[in-house]
Amino acid sequence: MTLLLHRISGAVLLISHGLLIIRSLILLHSKGTPGKPDRIIMSLSQMFLPLTLLTGLVHLAGHGRFLPVHTLIGILPVIMMMIFSKRSFRRKHPLLLPILNGLLIAAAFVTGYCAVL
């Protein structure tokens, strides 16, 4: 059950974060401001990151099947958010954190999928 929740939340996280990056690129290019759909996408991405981590850790604790690469890559987006959380840094490099997190989320998705095969 936790594995199914982890897979679903991981897929939703990957999709929402991908949409977040695409919308951010569009808004930066057009010099627009985020609207309600953008805030919803951002909220989904922020909500599903800890949910995906939590369901993965609960599944790991329950079944004891440890995937070190998948676990490390899955935890890194939270660490990156802590490192790059300064507001001044985010203003100078607005897409660095979303793109890094997007790459890490995609890598965690691929390593999790490959572990199933």
C-alpha atoms as a PDB file:
ATOM      1  CA  MET A   1       0.000   0.000   0.000  1.00  0.00           C
ATOM      2  CA  THR A   2       2.760   2.458   0.912  1.00  0.00           C
ATOM      3  CA  LEU A   3       4.639   1.556  -2.262  1.00  0.00           C
ATOM      4  CA  LEU A   4       1.585   2.387  -4.371  1.00  0.00           C
ATOM      5  CA  LEU A   5       1.148   5.715  -2.544  1.00  0.00           C
ATOM      6  CA  HIS A   6       4.854   6.424  -3.007  1.00  0.00           C
ATOM      7  CA  ARG A   7       4.669   5.738  -6.740  1.00  0.00           C
ATOM      8  CA  ILE A   8       1.544   7.855  -7.229  1.00  0.00           C
ATOM      9  CA  SER A   9       2.896  10.774  -5.194  1.00  0.00           C
ATOM     10  CA  GLY A  10       6.225  10.522  -7.040  1.00  0.00           C
ATOM     11  CA  ALA A  11       4.479  10.695 -10.416  1.00  0.00           C
ATOM     12  CA  VAL A  12       2.338  13.665  -9.334  1.00  0.00           C
ATOM     13  CA  LEU A  13       5.458  15.375  -7.938  1.00  0.00           C
ATOM     14  CA  LEU A  14       7.378  14.862 -11.174  1.00  0.00           C
ATOM     15  CA  ILE A  15       4.512  16.169 -13.328  1.00  0.00           C
ATOM     16  CA  SER A  16       3.749  19.171 -11.117  1.00  0.00           C
ATOM     17  CA  HIS A  17       7.406  20.144 -10.821  1.00  0.00           C
ATOM     18  CA  GLY A  18       7.857  19.848 -14.580  1.00  0.00           C
ATOM     19  CA  LEU A  19       4.858  22.124 -15.125  1.00  0.00           C
ATOM     20  CA  LEU A  20       6.272  24.525 -12.533  1.00  0.00           C
ATOM     21  CA  ILE A  21       9.568  24.794 -14.408  1.00  0.00           C
ATOM     22  CA  ILE A  22       7.853  25.268 -17.773  1.00  0.00           C
ATOM     23  CA  ARG A  23       5.535  27.972 -16.414  1.00  0.00           C
ATOM     24  CA  SER A  24       8.479  29.688 -14.688  1.00  0.00           C
ATOM     25  CA  LEU A  25      10.403  29.800 -17.945  1.00  0.00           C
ATOM     26  CA  ILE A  26       7.373  31.242 -19.749  1.00  0.00           C
ATOM     27  CA  LEU A  27       6.777  33.862 -17.057  1.00  0.00           C
ATOM     28  CA  LEU A  28      10.446  34.904 -16.974  1.00  0.00           C
ATOM     29  CA  HIS A  29      10.531  35.206 -20.753  1.00  0.00           C
ATOM     30  CA  SER A  30       7.308  37.216 -20.944  1.00  0.00           C
ATOM     31  CA  LYS A  31       8.073  39.181 -17.755  1.00  0.00           C
ATOM     32  CA  GLY A  32       4.644  38.149 -16.422  1.00  0.00           C
ATOM     33  CA  THR A  33       3.482  37.527 -12.888  1.00  0.00           C
ATOM     34  CA  PRO A  34       2.304  34.180 -11.502  1.00  0.00           C
ATOM     35  CA  GLY A  35      -1.432  33.641 -11.546  1.00  0.00           C
ATOM     36  CA  LYS A  36      -3.714  31.303  -9.624  1.00  0.00           C
ATOM     37  CA  PRO A  37      -2.880  28.206 -11.746  1.00  0.00           C
ATOM     38  CA  ASP A  38       0.832  28.846 -11.138  1.00  0.00           C
ATOM     39  CA  ARG A  39       0.271  29.021  -7.398  1.00  0.00           C
ATOM     40  CA  ILE A  40      -1.728  25.782  -7.505  1.00  0.00           C
ATOM     41  CA  ILE A  41       1.067  24.032  -9.408  1.00  0.00           C
ATOM     42  CA  MET A  42       3.645  25.369  -6.931  1.00  0.00           C
ATOM     43  CA  SER A  43       1.520  24.228  -3.982  1.00  0.00           C
ATOM     44  CA  LEU A  44       1.167  20.746  -5.484  1.00  0.00           C
ATOM     45  CA  SER A  45       4.900  20.482  -5.949  1.00  0.00           C
ATOM     46  CA  GLN A  46       5.583  21.705  -2.407  1.00  0.00           C
ATOM     47  CA  MET A  47       2.938  19.411  -0.926  1.00  0.00           C
ATOM     48  CA  PHE A  48       3.952  16.243  -2.760  1.00  0.00           C
ATOM     49  CA  LEU A  49       7.705  16.472  -2.059  1.00  0.00           C
ATOM     50  CA  PRO A  50       7.398  15.736   1.682  1.00  0.00           C
ATOM     51  CA  LEU A  51       4.533  13.290   1.030  1.00  0.00           C
ATOM     52  CA  THR A  52       6.692  11.341  -1.408  1.00  0.00           C
ATOM     53  CA  LEU A  53       9.614  11.339   1.014  1.00  0.00           C
ATOM     54  CA  LEU A  54       7.404  10.228   3.893  1.00  0.00           C
ATOM     55  CA  THR A  55       5.731   7.390   1.989  1.00  0.00           C
ATOM     56  CA  GLY A  56       9.133   6.242   0.727  1.00  0.00           C
ATOM     57  CA  LEU A  57      10.608   6.204   4.227  1.00  0.00           C
ATOM     58  CA  VAL A  58       7.558   4.388   5.648  1.00  0.00           C
ATOM     59  CA  HIS A  59       7.828   1.790   2.895  1.00  0.00           C
ATOM     60  CA  LEU A  60      11.557   1.465   3.517  1.00  0.00           C
ATOM     61  CA  ALA A  61      11.023   0.971   7.257  1.00  0.00           C
ATOM     62  CA  GLY A  62       8.287  -1.588   6.681  1.00  0.00           C
ATOM     63  CA  HIS A  63      10.003  -3.725   4.061  1.00  0.00           C
ATOM     64  CA  GLY A  64      13.685  -3.126   4.701  1.00  0.00           C
ATOM     65  CA  ARG A  65      14.589  -3.030   0.993  1.00  0.00           C
ATOM     66  CA  PHE A  66      17.164  -0.247   0.940  1.00  0.00           C
ATOM     67  CA  LEU A  67      18.072   1.460  -2.332  1.00  0.00           C
ATOM     68  CA  PRO A  68      20.924   3.831  -1.387  1.00  0.00           C
ATOM     69  CA  VAL A  69      21.097   5.753  -4.675  1.00  0.00           C
ATOM     70  CA  HIS A  70      17.319   6.207  -4.904  1.00  0.00           C
ATOM     71  CA  THR A  71      17.096   7.247  -1.243  1.00  0.00           C
ATOM     72  CA  LEU A  72      19.952   9.753  -1.502  1.00  0.00           C
ATOM     73  CA  ILE A  73      18.627  11.302  -4.706  1.00  0.00           C
ATOM     74  CA  GLY A  74      15.143  11.442  -3.197  1.00  0.00           C
ATOM     75  CA  ILE A  75      16.313  13.347  -0.118  1.00  0.00           C
ATOM     76  CA  LEU A  76      18.592  15.778  -1.977  1.00  0.00           C
ATOM     77  CA  PRO A  77      15.799  18.172  -3.143  1.00  0.00           C
ATOM     78  CA  VAL A  78      14.985  18.966   0.498  1.00  0.00           C
ATOM     79  CA  ILE A  79      18.667  19.550   1.243  1.00  0.00           C
ATOM     80  CA  MET A  80      18.970  21.789  -1.821  1.00  0.00           C
ATOM     81  CA  MET A  81      15.971  23.820  -0.653  1.00  0.00           C
ATOM     82  CA  MET A  82      17.703  24.404   2.679  1.00  0.00           C
ATOM     83  CA  ILE A  83      20.989  25.398   1.034  1.00  0.00           C
ATOM     84  CA  PHE A  84      19.479  27.785  -1.530  1.00  0.00           C
ATOM     85  CA  SER A  85      16.736  29.253   0.638  1.00  0.00           C
ATOM     86  CA  LYS A  86      18.126  32.795   0.903  1.00  0.00           C
ATOM     87  CA  ARG A  87      15.792  35.266  -0.746  1.00  0.00           C
ATOM     88  CA  SER A  88      18.639  37.312  -2.283  1.00  0.00           C
ATOM     89  CA  PHE A  89      20.055  34.200  -3.953  1.00  0.00           C
ATOM     90  CA  ARG A  90      16.645  33.248  -5.349  1.00  0.00           C
ATOM     91  CA  ARG A  91      16.234  36.724  -6.852  1.00  0.00           C
ATOM     92  CA  LYS A  92      19.591  36.547  -8.641  1.00  0.00           C
ATOM     93  CA  HIS A  93      19.083  32.956  -9.851  1.00  0.00           C
ATOM     94  CA  PRO A  94      15.312  32.359  -9.913  1.00  0.00           C
ATOM     95  CA  LEU A  95      15.382  29.081 -11.851  1.00  0.00           C
ATOM     96  CA  LEU A  96      18.434  27.396 -10.332  1.00  0.00           C
ATOM     97  CA  LEU A  97      16.629  25.694  -7.441  1.00  0.00           C
ATOM     98  CA  PRO A  98      13.565  24.557  -9.428  1.00  0.00           C
ATOM     99  CA  ILE A  99      15.739  23.123 -12.202  1.00  0.00           C
ATOM    100  CA  LEU A 100      18.117  21.359  -9.782  1.00  0.00           C
ATOM    101  CA  ASN A 101      15.185  19.946  -7.838  1.00  0.00           C
ATOM    102  CA  GLY A 102      13.469  18.939 -11.068  1.00  0.00           C
ATOM    103  CA  LEU A 103      16.556  17.048 -12.213  1.00  0.00           C
ATOM    104  CA  LEU A 104      16.874  15.334  -8.826  1.00  0.00           C
ATOM    105  CA  ILE A 105      13.175  14.419  -8.776  1.00  0.00           C
ATOM    106  CA  ALA A 106      13.435  13.008 -12.307  1.00  0.00           C
ATOM    107  CA  ALA A 107      16.567  11.058 -11.342  1.00  0.00           C
ATOM    108  CA  ALA A 108      14.826   9.644  -8.257  1.00  0.00           C
ATOM    109  CA  PHE A 109      11.840   8.687 -10.414  1.00  0.00           C
ATOM    110  CA  VAL A 110      14.096   6.889 -12.924  1.00  0.00           C
ATOM    111  CA  THR A 111      16.152   5.081 -10.260  1.00  0.00           C
ATOM    112  CA  GLY A 112      12.958   3.993  -8.496  1.00  0.00           C
ATOM    113  CA  TYR A 113      11.485   2.754 -11.750  1.00  0.00           C
ATOM    114  CA  CYS A 114      14.704   0.932 -12.676  1.00  0.00           C
ATOM    115  CA  ALA A 115      14.814  -0.730  -9.242  1.00  0.00           C
ATOM    116  CA  VAL A 116      11.425  -2.302  -9.971  1.00  0.00           C
ATOM    117  CA  LEU A 117      12.646  -3.851 -13.231  1.00  0.00           C
END
